[in-house]
N, C-alpha and C. Protein backbone atom coordinates (compact mmCIF):
# COMPACT_ATOMS: atom_id res chain seq x y z
N MET A 1 -6.02 -11.96 -0.30
CA MET A 1 -5.50 -10.51 -0.96
C MET A 1 -6.07 -9.57 0.49
N GLN A 2 -7.23 -10.02 0.52
CA GLN A 2 -8.16 -8.83 1.62
C GLN A 2 -7.36 -8.79 2.48
N ASN A 3 -6.65 -9.79 3.50
CA ASN A 3 -5.65 -9.52 4.54
C ASN A 3 -4.84 -8.61 4.06
N PHE A 4 -3.90 -9.02 3.32
CA PHE A 4 -3.00 -8.02 2.69
C PHE A 4 -3.14 -6.41 2.73
N ILE A 5 -4.45 -6.14 2.22
CA ILE A 5 -5.04 -4.98 1.91
C ILE A 5 -5.73 -4.45 3.47
N ASP A 6 -5.86 -5.20 4.42
CA ASP A 6 -6.12 -4.91 5.51
C ASP A 6 -4.85 -4.27 6.36
N TYR A 7 -3.74 -5.21 6.15
CA TYR A 7 -2.47 -4.91 6.64
C TYR A 7 -1.83 -3.42 6.48
N VAL A 8 -1.91 -3.45 4.92
CA VAL A 8 -0.80 -1.94 4.65
C VAL A 8 -2.47 -1.10 5.11
N TYR A 9 -3.71 -0.94 4.78
CA TYR A 9 -4.91 -0.16 5.58
C TYR A 9 -4.37 0.19 7.12
N ASN A 10 -3.76 -0.66 8.03
CA ASN A 10 -4.08 -0.74 9.32
C ASN A 10 -2.68 0.22 9.75
N PHE A 11 -1.69 0.31 8.21
CA PHE A 11 -0.53 1.15 8.72
C PHE A 11 -0.85 2.42 8.05
N TYR A 12 -1.49 2.40 7.11
CA TYR A 12 -1.35 3.77 6.57
C TYR A 12 -3.25 4.64 5.89
N GLY A 13 -3.80 3.68 6.55
CA GLY A 13 -5.20 3.95 6.35
C GLY A 13 -5.51 4.98 7.93
N ARG A 14 -7.02 5.48 7.75
CA ARG A 14 -7.18 6.28 8.68
C ARG A 14 -6.81 5.57 10.01
N HIS A 15 -6.21 6.38 11.10
CA HIS A 15 -5.90 5.96 12.19
C HIS A 15 -4.83 4.49 12.38
N GLY A 16 -4.13 4.60 11.21
CA GLY A 16 -3.45 3.50 11.11
C GLY A 16 -1.74 3.87 11.99
N ILE A 17 -1.30 3.06 12.03
CA ILE A 17 0.19 3.14 12.94
C ILE A 17 1.04 4.76 12.08
N TYR A 18 0.88 4.68 10.39
CA TYR A 18 1.47 5.67 9.70
C TYR A 18 0.25 6.67 9.02
N ASP A 19 -0.57 7.15 9.86
CA ASP A 19 -1.88 7.60 9.18
C ASP A 19 -1.68 8.68 8.01
N MET A 20 -2.02 7.88 6.63
CA MET A 20 -1.55 8.82 5.53
C MET A 20 -3.02 9.00 5.02
N ARG A 21 -3.84 8.70 5.48
CA ARG A 21 -5.21 9.10 5.45
C ARG A 21 -5.54 8.18 3.58
N ALA A 22 -4.67 7.13 3.59
CA ALA A 22 -5.40 6.53 2.46
C ALA A 22 -6.88 5.54 2.74
N THR A 23 -7.11 5.27 1.43
CA THR A 23 -8.52 4.44 1.49
C THR A 23 -8.22 3.62 0.96
N ARG A 24 -9.05 2.36 1.34
CA ARG A 24 -8.74 1.08 0.81
C ARG A 24 -8.89 1.09 -0.99
N THR A 25 -9.58 2.11 -1.48
CA THR A 25 -9.52 1.96 -2.76
C THR A 25 -7.90 2.69 -3.39
N MET A 26 -7.19 3.53 -2.94
CA MET A 26 -6.17 4.14 -2.76
C MET A 26 -5.28 2.78 -2.91
N ILE A 27 -5.20 1.90 -1.63
CA ILE A 27 -4.52 1.00 -1.38
C ILE A 27 -4.52 -0.31 -2.78
N CYS A 28 -6.20 -0.42 -3.08
CA CYS A 28 -6.17 -1.73 -3.77
C CYS A 28 -5.23 -1.10 -5.25
N ASN A 29 -5.70 0.37 -5.59
CA ASN A 29 -4.82 0.62 -6.80
C ASN A 29 -3.57 0.39 -6.81
N SER A 30 -3.23 1.11 -5.66
CA SER A 30 -1.54 1.23 -5.56
C SER A 30 -0.98 -0.75 -5.52
N THR A 31 -1.80 -1.45 -4.92
CA THR A 31 -1.16 -2.61 -4.56
C THR A 31 -1.02 -3.53 -6.15
N ASN A 32 -2.49 -3.17 -6.97
CA ASN A 32 -2.43 -3.60 -8.47
C ASN A 32 -1.44 -3.07 -9.43
N LYS A 33 -1.04 -1.79 -9.43
CA LYS A 33 -0.14 -1.29 -9.80
C LYS A 33 1.66 -1.72 -9.71
N HIS A 34 1.50 -1.97 -8.15
CA HIS A 34 2.94 -2.75 -7.76
C HIS A 34 2.84 -4.54 -8.32
N ILE A 35 2.13 -5.02 -8.29
CA ILE A 35 1.85 -6.45 -8.74
C ILE A 35 2.29 -6.41 -9.94
N ASN A 36 1.75 -5.18 -10.94
CA ASN A 36 2.31 -5.12 -12.44
C ASN A 36 3.70 -4.81 -12.56
N GLN A 37 3.88 -4.24 -11.68
CA GLN A 37 5.37 -3.51 -11.78
C GLN A 37 6.56 -4.59 -11.31
N ILE A 38 6.42 -5.65 -10.95
CA ILE A 38 6.81 -6.93 -10.29
C ILE A 38 6.88 -7.71 -10.89
N GLY A 39 6.03 -7.90 -11.85
CA GLY A 39 5.80 -9.13 -13.35
C GLY A 39 4.86 -9.85 -12.16
N GLY A 40 4.14 -9.83 -11.47
CA GLY A 40 2.54 -10.19 -11.30
C GLY A 40 2.74 -10.93 -9.67
N LEU A 41 1.72 -11.93 -9.18
CA LEU A 41 1.46 -12.24 -7.90
C LEU A 41 3.08 -13.37 -7.90
N VAL A 42 3.17 -13.78 -8.67
CA VAL A 42 4.40 -14.95 -8.92
C VAL A 42 6.02 -14.51 -7.82
N ASN A 43 5.58 -12.83 -7.82
CA ASN A 43 6.80 -12.17 -7.11
C ASN A 43 7.03 -11.10 -5.73
N PHE A 44 5.49 -11.71 -5.53
CA PHE A 44 4.91 -11.12 -4.62
C PHE A 44 4.70 -11.36 -3.27
N GLY A 45 5.43 -10.84 -2.18
CA GLY A 45 5.59 -11.44 -0.68
C GLY A 45 4.65 -11.57 0.24
N TYR A 46 3.59 -10.39 0.07
CA TYR A 46 2.39 -10.16 0.96
C TYR A 46 3.14 -9.62 2.33
N ASP A 47 4.27 -8.86 2.28
CA ASP A 47 5.08 -8.68 3.27
C ASP A 47 5.24 -7.44 3.11
N SER A 48 6.27 -6.84 4.30
CA SER A 48 6.60 -5.11 4.62
C SER A 48 7.39 -4.94 3.10
N THR A 49 8.19 -5.53 2.48
CA THR A 49 8.68 -4.99 1.47
C THR A 49 7.97 -4.53 0.19
N ASP A 50 6.69 -5.62 0.34
CA ASP A 50 5.48 -4.98 -0.64
C ASP A 50 4.70 -3.95 -0.31
N ARG A 51 4.26 -4.00 1.34
CA ARG A 51 3.98 -2.74 2.05
C ARG A 51 4.40 -1.35 1.64
N GLU A 52 5.78 -1.79 1.79
CA GLU A 52 6.76 -0.51 1.57
C GLU A 52 6.56 -0.12 0.27
N ALA A 53 6.70 -0.59 -0.60
CA ALA A 53 6.58 -0.06 -2.15
C ALA A 53 5.30 0.60 -2.56
N ILE A 54 4.02 -0.04 -1.86
CA ILE A 54 2.92 0.61 -1.49
C ILE A 54 2.79 1.57 -1.43
N ARG A 55 3.46 1.94 0.00
CA ARG A 55 3.38 3.26 0.42
C ARG A 55 3.38 4.44 -0.70
N ASP A 56 5.08 4.10 -0.88
CA ASP A 56 6.08 4.84 -2.00
C ASP A 56 4.78 5.27 -3.30
N ILE A 57 4.24 4.58 -3.72
CA ILE A 57 2.92 4.35 -4.60
C ILE A 57 2.16 5.47 -3.97
N LEU A 58 1.31 5.15 -2.85
CA LEU A 58 0.56 6.26 -2.45
C LEU A 58 0.99 7.41 -2.34
N ILE A 59 2.41 7.76 -2.00
CA ILE A 59 3.02 8.72 -1.96
C ILE A 59 3.33 9.75 -2.90
N LYS A 60 3.79 8.93 -4.15
CA LYS A 60 3.80 9.52 -5.57
C LYS A 60 2.51 9.37 -6.15
N ASP A 61 1.46 8.70 -6.57
CA ASP A 61 0.24 9.08 -7.20
C ASP A 61 -0.80 9.65 -6.48
N TYR A 62 -0.29 9.94 -5.42
CA TYR A 62 -1.95 10.45 -4.72
C TYR A 62 -1.32 11.61 -3.40
N SER A 63 -0.54 11.79 -3.59
CA SER A 63 0.20 12.87 -2.99
C SER A 63 0.12 12.91 -1.40
N LEU A 64 0.14 11.96 -0.99
CA LEU A 64 -0.23 11.60 0.16
C LEU A 64 1.20 11.62 1.02
N ILE A 65 1.27 11.71 2.44
CA ILE A 65 2.74 12.56 3.14
C ILE A 65 2.55 11.95 4.05
N GLN A 66 3.98 10.90 4.60
CA GLN A 66 4.18 9.77 5.97
C GLN A 66 4.32 10.75 6.92
N PRO A 67 3.61 10.76 7.91
CA PRO A 67 4.04 11.69 9.38
C PRO A 67 5.15 10.84 9.55
N ASP A 68 6.34 11.81 10.37
CA ASP A 68 7.23 11.49 10.86
C ASP A 68 6.79 10.61 12.38
């Protein structure tokens, strides 16, 4: 799971590809929320689909903005 958190942070964390200034705590909380929404780890792919779902949670729950 830590590798996945790092993967998401490299996209949406400070100086990431799409720097939304997300913190690791925000990403962890959003990941847990996403896992609960999809019915657990059995449905979690550790892939870009999950990363983008977490991005959407970051935007909704933390009012972060994805840069263009």
